[in-house]
Protein backbone atom coordinates (compact mmCIF):
# COMPACT_ATOMS: atom_id res chain seq x y z
CA UNK A 1 0.00 0.00 0.00
CA UNK A 2 2.64 2.58 -0.92
CA UNK A 3 0.03 5.03 -2.25
CA UNK A 4 -1.70 5.15 1.13
CA UNK A 5 1.57 5.82 2.92
CA UNK A 6 2.22 8.54 0.38
CA UNK A 7 -1.13 10.22 1.05
CA UNK A 8 -0.63 10.04 4.82
CA UNK A 9 2.86 11.39 4.41
CA UNK A 10 1.61 14.24 2.23
CA UNK A 11 -1.18 15.24 4.64
CA UNK A 12 1.00 14.75 7.72
CA UNK A 13 3.89 16.67 6.19
CA UNK A 14 1.87 19.87 5.76
CA UNK A 15 0.93 21.31 9.19
CA UNK A 16 -1.37 23.86 7.58
CA UNK A 17 -3.74 21.10 6.41
CA UNK A 18 -4.33 19.87 9.96
CA UNK A 19 -4.47 23.45 11.23
CA UNK A 20 -7.20 24.45 8.76
CA UNK A 21 -9.18 21.32 9.61
CA UNK A 22 -8.97 21.94 13.36
CA UNK A 23 -9.76 25.65 13.20
CA UNK A 24 -12.81 25.15 10.97
CA UNK A 25 -14.35 22.48 13.18
CA UNK A 26 -17.46 24.02 14.76
CA UNK A 27 -17.98 21.61 17.65
CA UNK A 28 -16.26 18.28 17.10
CA UNK A 29 -13.28 16.97 15.23
CA UNK A 30 -13.11 13.30 14.35
CA UNK A 31 -10.10 11.48 13.01
CA UNK A 32 -11.28 8.31 11.33
CA UNK A 33 -9.01 5.45 10.47
CA UNK A 34 -6.39 3.19 11.89
CA UNK A 35 -4.48 5.13 14.54
CA UNK A 36 -1.45 2.90 14.03
CA UNK A 37 -1.47 3.85 10.33
CA UNK A 38 -1.62 7.63 10.70
CA UNK A 39 0.06 8.12 14.10
CA UNK A 40 3.55 8.12 12.61
CA UNK A 41 2.83 10.44 9.66
CA UNK A 42 4.34 13.87 10.31
CA UNK A 43 2.15 16.21 12.34
CA UNK A 44 -0.32 13.39 12.96
CA UNK A 45 2.23 11.93 15.39
CA UNK A 46 1.80 15.00 17.56
CA UNK A 47 -1.97 14.69 17.31
CA UNK A 48 -1.78 11.04 18.36
CA UNK A 49 0.27 11.98 21.44
CA UNK A 50 -2.15 14.78 22.39
CA UNK A 51 -5.47 12.99 22.00
CA UNK A 52 -6.52 9.89 23.90
CA UNK A 53 -7.32 6.84 21.81
CA UNK A 54 -10.98 5.90 21.68
CA UNK A 55 -12.72 3.05 19.98
CA UNK A 56 -16.10 4.37 21.05
CA UNK A 57 -18.61 4.68 18.24
CA UNK A 58 -20.81 7.76 18.50
CA UNK A 59 -23.90 8.90 16.67
CA UNK A 60 -23.46 12.15 14.73
CA UNK A 61 -24.93 15.22 16.40
CA UNK A 62 -27.71 17.02 14.56
PDB file of N, CA and C in Angstrom:
ATOM      1  N   UNK A   1       0.793  -1.187   0.000  1.00  0.00           N
ATOM      2  CA  UNK A   1       0.000   0.000   0.000  1.00  0.00           C
ATOM      3  C   UNK A   1       0.849   1.269   0.000  1.00  0.00           C
ATOM      4  N   UNK A   2       1.800   1.395  -0.878  1.00  0.00           N
ATOM      5  CA  UNK A   2       2.641   2.583  -0.916  1.00  0.00           C
ATOM      6  C   UNK A   2       1.867   3.869  -1.170  1.00  0.00           C
ATOM      7  N   UNK A   3       0.795   3.824  -1.968  1.00  0.00           N
ATOM      8  CA  UNK A   3       0.028   5.034  -2.249  1.00  0.00           C
ATOM      9  C   UNK A   3      -0.614   5.576  -0.978  1.00  0.00           C
ATOM     10  N   UNK A   4      -1.090   4.693  -0.120  1.00  0.00           N
ATOM     11  CA  UNK A   4      -1.698   5.148   1.127  1.00  0.00           C
ATOM     12  C   UNK A   4      -0.657   5.803   2.022  1.00  0.00           C
ATOM     13  N   UNK A   5       0.512   5.212   2.114  1.00  0.00           N
ATOM     14  CA  UNK A   5       1.573   5.822   2.915  1.00  0.00           C
ATOM     15  C   UNK A   5       1.942   7.176   2.340  1.00  0.00           C
ATOM     16  N   UNK A   6       1.914   7.274   1.022  1.00  0.00           N
ATOM     17  CA  UNK A   6       2.221   8.543   0.378  1.00  0.00           C
ATOM     18  C   UNK A   6       1.202   9.619   0.716  1.00  0.00           C
ATOM     19  N   UNK A   7      -0.077   9.258   0.712  1.00  0.00           N
ATOM     20  CA  UNK A   7      -1.133  10.218   1.045  1.00  0.00           C
ATOM     21  C   UNK A   7      -1.029  10.648   2.501  1.00  0.00           C
ATOM     22  N   UNK A   8      -0.793   9.701   3.396  1.00  0.00           N
ATOM     23  CA  UNK A   8      -0.634  10.043   4.818  1.00  0.00           C
ATOM     24  C   UNK A   8       0.588  10.928   5.006  1.00  0.00           C
ATOM     25  N   UNK A   9       1.647  10.586   4.317  1.00  0.00           N
ATOM     26  CA  UNK A   9       2.859  11.389   4.411  1.00  0.00           C
ATOM     27  C   UNK A   9       2.649  12.801   3.899  1.00  0.00           C
ATOM     28  N   UNK A  10       1.900  12.926   2.799  1.00  0.00           N
ATOM     29  CA  UNK A  10       1.613  14.244   2.235  1.00  0.00           C
ATOM     30  C   UNK A  10       0.788  15.072   3.213  1.00  0.00           C
ATOM     31  N   UNK A  11      -0.309  14.504   3.720  1.00  0.00           N
ATOM     32  CA  UNK A  11      -1.180  15.239   4.644  1.00  0.00           C
ATOM     33  C   UNK A  11      -0.468  15.528   5.961  1.00  0.00           C
ATOM     34  N   UNK A  12       0.298  14.568   6.460  1.00  0.00           N
ATOM     35  CA  UNK A  12       1.002  14.754   7.720  1.00  0.00           C
ATOM     36  C   UNK A  12       2.214  15.652   7.607  1.00  0.00           C
ATOM     37  N   UNK A  13       2.704  15.842   6.393  1.00  0.00           N
ATOM     38  CA  UNK A  13       3.885  16.673   6.192  1.00  0.00           C
ATOM     39  C   UNK A  13       3.565  18.146   6.024  1.00  0.00           C
ATOM     40  N   UNK A  14       2.286  18.478   5.951  1.00  0.00           N
ATOM     41  CA  UNK A  14       1.873  19.866   5.764  1.00  0.00           C
ATOM     42  C   UNK A  14       1.037  20.306   6.966  1.00  0.00           C
ATOM     43  N   UNK A  15       1.660  20.928   7.972  1.00  0.00           N
ATOM     44  CA  UNK A  15       0.931  21.306   9.189  1.00  0.00           C
ATOM     45  C   UNK A  15      -0.284  22.187   8.918  1.00  0.00           C
ATOM     46  N   UNK A  16      -0.236  22.974   7.849  1.00  0.00           N
ATOM     47  CA  UNK A  16      -1.368  23.861   7.579  1.00  0.00           C
ATOM     48  C   UNK A  16      -2.646  23.091   7.260  1.00  0.00           C
ATOM     49  N   UNK A  17      -2.547  21.889   6.708  1.00  0.00           N
ATOM     50  CA  UNK A  17      -3.742  21.096   6.406  1.00  0.00           C
ATOM     51  C   UNK A  17      -4.459  20.717   7.699  1.00  0.00           C
ATOM     52  N   UNK A  18      -3.726  20.226   8.668  1.00  0.00           N
ATOM     53  CA  UNK A  18      -4.327  19.870   9.958  1.00  0.00           C
ATOM     54  C   UNK A  18      -4.816  21.123  10.678  1.00  0.00           C
ATOM     55  N   UNK A  19      -4.080  22.206  10.586  1.00  0.00           N
ATOM     56  CA  UNK A  19      -4.468  23.453  11.230  1.00  0.00           C
ATOM     57  C   UNK A  19      -5.793  23.974  10.679  1.00  0.00           C
ATOM     58  N   UNK A  20      -5.954  23.985   9.371  1.00  0.00           N
ATOM     59  CA  UNK A  20      -7.204  24.446   8.761  1.00  0.00           C
ATOM     60  C   UNK A  20      -8.356  23.555   9.192  1.00  0.00           C
ATOM     61  N   UNK A  21      -8.134  22.258   9.197  1.00  0.00           N
ATOM     62  CA  UNK A  21      -9.180  21.323   9.611  1.00  0.00           C
ATOM     63  C   UNK A  21      -9.610  21.590  11.051  1.00  0.00           C
ATOM     64  N   UNK A  22      -8.659  21.740  11.938  1.00  0.00           N
ATOM     65  CA  UNK A  22      -8.972  21.942  13.357  1.00  0.00           C
ATOM     66  C   UNK A  22      -9.635  23.289  13.611  1.00  0.00           C
ATOM     67  N   UNK A  23      -9.189  24.335  12.941  1.00  0.00           N
ATOM     68  CA  UNK A  23      -9.760  25.654  13.205  1.00  0.00           C
ATOM     69  C   UNK A  23     -11.141  25.827  12.589  1.00  0.00           C
ATOM     70  N   UNK A  24     -11.477  25.049  11.588  1.00  0.00           N
ATOM     71  CA  UNK A  24     -12.808  25.150  10.971  1.00  0.00           C
ATOM     72  C   UNK A  24     -13.839  24.239  11.627  1.00  0.00           C
ATOM     73  N   UNK A  25     -13.405  23.367  12.483  1.00  0.00           N
ATOM     74  CA  UNK A  25     -14.352  22.484  13.181  1.00  0.00           C
ATOM     75  C   UNK A  25     -15.219  23.339  14.099  1.00  0.00           C
ATOM     76  N   UNK A  26     -16.534  23.214  13.961  1.00  0.00           N
ATOM     77  CA  UNK A  26     -17.460  24.020  14.760  1.00  0.00           C
ATOM     78  C   UNK A  26     -17.593  23.492  16.188  1.00  0.00           C
ATOM     79  N   UNK A  27     -17.778  22.187  16.324  1.00  0.00           N
ATOM     80  CA  UNK A  27     -17.980  21.609  17.650  1.00  0.00           C
ATOM     81  C   UNK A  27     -17.109  20.396  17.908  1.00  0.00           C
ATOM     82  N   UNK A  28     -16.981  19.541  16.921  1.00  0.00           N
ATOM     83  CA  UNK A  28     -16.258  18.279  17.097  1.00  0.00           C
ATOM     84  C   UNK A  28     -15.273  18.082  15.961  1.00  0.00           C
ATOM     85  N   UNK A  29     -14.249  17.347  16.254  1.00  0.00           N
ATOM     86  CA  UNK A  29     -13.279  16.965  15.233  1.00  0.00           C
ATOM     87  C   UNK A  29     -13.038  15.473  15.383  1.00  0.00           C
ATOM     88  N   UNK A  30     -13.285  14.748  14.330  1.00  0.00           N
ATOM     89  CA  UNK A  30     -13.110  13.300  14.346  1.00  0.00           C
ATOM     90  C   UNK A  30     -11.986  12.924  13.402  1.00  0.00           C
ATOM     91  N   UNK A  31     -11.129  12.063  13.859  1.00  0.00           N
ATOM     92  CA  UNK A  31     -10.103  11.479  13.007  1.00  0.00           C
ATOM     93  C   UNK A  31     -10.497  10.025  12.837  1.00  0.00           C
ATOM     94  N   UNK A  32     -10.783   9.650  11.612  1.00  0.00           N
ATOM     95  CA  UNK A  32     -11.285   8.312  11.326  1.00  0.00           C
ATOM     96  C   UNK A  32     -10.197   7.520  10.633  1.00  0.00           C
ATOM     97  N   UNK A  33      -9.991   6.313  11.102  1.00  0.00           N
ATOM     98  CA  UNK A  33      -9.010   5.445  10.467  1.00  0.00           C
ATOM     99  C   UNK A  33      -8.199   4.695  11.499  1.00  0.00           C
ATOM    100  N   UNK A  34      -7.256   3.977  11.022  1.00  0.00           N
ATOM    101  CA  UNK A  34      -6.391   3.194  11.889  1.00  0.00           C
ATOM    102  C   UNK A  34      -5.342   4.105  12.522  1.00  0.00           C
ATOM    103  N   UNK A  35      -5.433   4.265  13.834  1.00  0.00           N
ATOM    104  CA  UNK A  35      -4.482   5.131  14.544  1.00  0.00           C
ATOM    105  C   UNK A  35      -3.042   4.691  14.294  1.00  0.00           C
ATOM    106  N   UNK A  36      -2.816   3.389  14.253  1.00  0.00           N
ATOM    107  CA  UNK A  36      -1.454   2.902  14.027  1.00  0.00           C
ATOM    108  C   UNK A  36      -0.956   3.265  12.629  1.00  0.00           C
ATOM    109  N   UNK A  37      -1.866   3.486  11.695  1.00  0.00           N
ATOM    110  CA  UNK A  37      -1.465   3.848  10.334  1.00  0.00           C
ATOM    111  C   UNK A  37      -1.120   5.329  10.215  1.00  0.00           C
ATOM    112  N   UNK A  38      -1.874   6.201  10.860  1.00  0.00           N
ATOM    113  CA  UNK A  38      -1.621   7.629  10.699  1.00  0.00           C
ATOM    114  C   UNK A  38      -0.792   8.246  11.818  1.00  0.00           C
ATOM    115  N   UNK A  39      -0.617   7.543  12.930  1.00  0.00           N
ATOM    116  CA  UNK A  39       0.057   8.122  14.096  1.00  0.00           C
ATOM    117  C   UNK A  39       1.539   8.406  13.880  1.00  0.00           C
ATOM    118  N   UNK A  40       2.122   7.860  12.845  1.00  0.00           N
ATOM    119  CA  UNK A  40       3.546   8.123  12.610  1.00  0.00           C
ATOM    120  C   UNK A  40       3.773   8.970  11.362  1.00  0.00           C
ATOM    121  N   UNK A  41       2.730   9.638  10.884  1.00  0.00           N
ATOM    122  CA  UNK A  41       2.831  10.435   9.662  1.00  0.00           C
ATOM    123  C   UNK A  41       2.917  11.921  10.000  1.00  0.00           C
ATOM    124  N   UNK A  42       4.126  12.429  10.123  1.00  0.00           N
ATOM    125  CA  UNK A  42       4.345  13.866  10.306  1.00  0.00           C
ATOM    126  C   UNK A  42       3.625  14.449  11.504  1.00  0.00           C
ATOM    127  N   UNK A  43       2.839  15.513  11.252  1.00  0.00           N
ATOM    128  CA  UNK A  43       2.150  16.211  12.344  1.00  0.00           C
ATOM    129  C   UNK A  43       1.088  15.351  13.007  1.00  0.00           C
ATOM    130  N   UNK A  44       0.657  14.285  12.347  1.00  0.00           N
ATOM    131  CA  UNK A  44      -0.320  13.394  12.962  1.00  0.00           C
ATOM    132  C   UNK A  44       0.278  12.680  14.172  1.00  0.00           C
ATOM    133  N   UNK A  45       1.584  12.534  14.219  1.00  0.00           N
ATOM    134  CA  UNK A  45       2.231  11.930  15.388  1.00  0.00           C
ATOM    135  C   UNK A  45       1.986  12.794  16.621  1.00  0.00           C
ATOM    136  N   UNK A  46       2.066  14.093  16.445  1.00  0.00           N
ATOM    137  CA  UNK A  46       1.804  15.005  17.563  1.00  0.00           C
ATOM    138  C   UNK A  46       0.340  14.927  17.987  1.00  0.00           C
ATOM    139  N   UNK A  47      -0.553  14.839  17.018  1.00  0.00           N
ATOM    140  CA  UNK A  47      -1.974  14.693  17.311  1.00  0.00           C
ATOM    141  C   UNK A  47      -2.231  13.408  18.094  1.00  0.00           C
ATOM    142  N   UNK A  48      -1.603  12.329  17.687  1.00  0.00           N
ATOM    143  CA  UNK A  48      -1.782  11.039  18.361  1.00  0.00           C
ATOM    144  C   UNK A  48      -1.300  11.101  19.814  1.00  0.00           C
ATOM    145  N   UNK A  49      -0.227  11.838  20.071  1.00  0.00           N
ATOM    146  CA  UNK A  49       0.271  11.977  21.444  1.00  0.00           C
ATOM    147  C   UNK A  49      -0.649  12.856  22.289  1.00  0.00           C
ATOM    148  N   UNK A  50      -1.322  13.811  21.661  1.00  0.00           N
ATOM    149  CA  UNK A  50      -2.147  14.777  22.388  1.00  0.00           C
ATOM    150  C   UNK A  50      -3.549  14.278  22.700  1.00  0.00           C
ATOM    151  N   UNK A  51      -4.090  13.458  21.833  1.00  0.00           N
ATOM    152  CA  UNK A  51      -5.465  12.986  22.000  1.00  0.00           C
ATOM    153  C   UNK A  51      -5.487  11.567  22.516  1.00  0.00           C
ATOM    154  N   UNK A  52      -6.393  11.276  23.441  1.00  0.00           N
ATOM    155  CA  UNK A  52      -6.525   9.890  23.902  1.00  0.00           C
ATOM    156  C   UNK A  52      -7.136   9.022  22.805  1.00  0.00           C
ATOM    157  N   UNK A  53      -6.749   7.785  22.780  1.00  0.00           N
ATOM    158  CA  UNK A  53      -7.324   6.841  21.814  1.00  0.00           C
ATOM    159  C   UNK A  53      -8.715   6.453  22.283  1.00  0.00           C
ATOM    160  N   UNK A  54      -9.616   6.310  21.348  1.00  0.00           N
ATOM    161  CA  UNK A  54     -10.976   5.904  21.682  1.00  0.00           C
ATOM    162  C   UNK A  54     -11.500   5.013  20.578  1.00  0.00           C
ATOM    163  N   UNK A  55     -12.084   3.918  20.966  1.00  0.00           N
ATOM    164  CA  UNK A  55     -12.715   3.051  19.982  1.00  0.00           C
ATOM    165  C   UNK A  55     -14.229   3.161  20.098  1.00  0.00           C
ATOM    166  N   UNK A  56     -14.667   4.163  20.831  1.00  0.00           N
ATOM    167  CA  UNK A  56     -16.096   4.366  21.052  1.00  0.00           C
ATOM    168  C   UNK A  56     -16.756   4.878  19.776  1.00  0.00           C
ATOM    169  N   UNK A  57     -17.841   4.233  19.393  1.00  0.00           N
ATOM    170  CA  UNK A  57     -18.613   4.684  18.243  1.00  0.00           C
ATOM    171  C   UNK A  57     -19.687   5.636  18.737  1.00  0.00           C
ATOM    172  N   UNK A  58     -19.829   6.764  18.083  1.00  0.00           N
ATOM    173  CA  UNK A  58     -20.809   7.759  18.499  1.00  0.00           C
ATOM    174  C   UNK A  58     -21.723   8.107  17.336  1.00  0.00           C
ATOM    175  N   UNK A  59     -22.948   8.440  17.675  1.00  0.00           N
ATOM    176  CA  UNK A  59     -23.900   8.898  16.671  1.00  0.00           C
ATOM    177  C   UNK A  59     -23.582  10.356  16.340  1.00  0.00           C
ATOM    178  N   UNK A  60     -23.705  10.741  15.085  1.00  0.00           N
ATOM    179  CA  UNK A  60     -23.461  12.147  14.732  1.00  0.00           C
ATOM    180  C   UNK A  60     -24.468  13.065  15.427  1.00  0.00           C
ATOM    181  N   UNK A  61     -24.026  14.248  15.798  1.00  0.00           N
ATOM    182  CA  UNK A  61     -24.931  15.221  16.400  1.00  0.00           C
ATOM    183  C   UNK A  61     -25.674  15.948  15.293  1.00  0.00           C
ATOM    184  N   UNK A  62     -26.882  16.331  15.568  1.00  0.00           N
ATOM    185  CA  UNK A  62     -27.711  17.021  14.562  1.00  0.00           C
ATOM    186  C   UNK A  62     -27.526  18.509  14.650  1.00  0.00           C
TER     187      UNK A  62
END
